[in-house]
Protein backbone atom coordinates (compact mmCIF):
# COMPACT_ATOMS: atom_id res chain seq x y z
CA MET A 1 105.66 105.15 158.68
CA MET A 2 102.73 104.10 160.85
CA ARG A 3 102.09 101.05 158.68
CA ILE A 4 105.68 99.91 159.05
CA CYS A 5 105.45 100.21 162.83
CA LEU A 6 102.21 98.22 162.83
CA VAL A 7 103.89 95.41 160.91
CA ILE A 8 107.30 95.36 162.62
CA LEU A 9 106.19 95.84 166.24
CA PRO A 10 103.94 92.74 166.44
CA ALA A 11 106.60 90.67 164.66
CA ILE A 12 109.19 91.64 167.26
CA LEU A 13 106.82 91.00 170.17
CA LEU A 14 105.61 87.66 168.81
CA GLY A 15 109.19 86.53 168.22
CA GLY A 16 109.73 86.39 171.97
CA CYS A 17 106.41 84.61 172.52
CA VAL A 18 107.25 81.94 169.98
CA SER A 19 110.63 81.36 171.61
CA ALA A 20 109.07 81.09 175.07
CA ALA A 21 106.31 78.82 173.79
CA LYS A 22 108.88 76.58 172.15
CA THR A 23 110.81 76.34 175.41
CA VAL A 24 107.67 75.48 177.37
CA VAL A 25 106.56 72.86 174.84
CA THR A 26 109.96 71.12 174.53
CA ALA A 27 110.88 71.18 178.24
CA PRO A 28 108.91 68.03 179.23
CA PHE A 29 110.52 66.05 176.40
CA LYS A 30 113.99 67.14 177.49
CA VAL A 31 113.26 66.20 181.11
CA VAL A 32 111.97 62.76 180.12
CA GLY A 33 114.94 62.21 177.83
CA GLN A 34 117.36 63.10 180.61
CA GLY A 35 115.56 60.77 183.01
CA VAL A 36 115.76 57.91 180.53
CA ASP A 37 119.46 58.63 180.01
CA TRP A 38 120.08 58.47 183.78
CA ALA A 39 117.99 55.31 184.18
CA THR A 40 119.65 53.30 181.43
CA THR A 41 123.23 52.13 180.99
CA SER A 42 125.04 52.81 177.75
CA GLN A 43 127.04 50.07 176.07
CA ASP A 44 130.27 51.86 177.02
CA GLU A 45 129.26 51.95 180.68
CA ALA A 46 128.18 48.32 180.60
CA ASP A 47 131.51 47.26 179.06
CA ARG A 48 133.47 49.31 181.58
CA ASN A 49 131.51 47.88 184.51
CA ARG A 50 131.90 44.32 183.20
CA GLY A 51 135.65 44.78 182.81
CA ARG A 52 135.93 46.16 186.33
CA GLU A 53 133.97 43.22 187.74
CA MET A 54 136.16 40.74 185.83
CA ARG A 55 139.34 42.34 187.22
CA LYS A 56 137.94 42.18 190.75
CA GLN A 57 137.03 38.52 190.28
CA GLU A 58 140.49 37.70 188.94
CA GLU A 59 142.04 39.47 191.94
CA ARG A 60 139.86 37.45 194.35
CA GLU A 61 140.84 34.22 192.58
CA ARG A 62 144.54 35.17 192.68
CA LYS A 63 144.37 35.85 196.42
CA GLU A 64 142.51 32.59 197.05
CA ARG A 65 145.05 30.64 194.98
CA LYS A 66 147.92 32.30 196.87
CA ARG A 67 146.27 31.48 200.22
CA ALA A 68 145.75 27.86 199.16
CA GLU A 69 149.41 27.55 198.10
CA LYS A 70 150.55 28.92 201.45
CA GLU A 71 148.30 26.45 203.25
CA TRP A 72 149.59 23.57 201.11
CA LYS A 73 153.24 24.56 201.78
CA ARG A 74 152.52 24.81 205.51
CA GLN A 75 150.98 21.33 205.50
CA GLN A 76 153.95 19.93 203.56
CA ARG A 77 156.34 21.47 206.08
CA ASP A 78 154.38 20.07 209.05
CA ASP A 79 154.44 16.55 207.61
């Protein structure tokens, strides 16, 4: 019985140490990976941002065209 306790007890205690050691060793890699993820833009994000910018540009052009047409009509009326 004593032999079994001498074998099982250290195995149980070391199991927790191995888990903690693994957490401590892998933590810096996880932090760096998260930082890289935050610092870079995925292709999906880049596509979404590009589409948004294109829609804004089209809206600006539409407003400018509408303003120019109004100005042209006003000039035609004044003549």
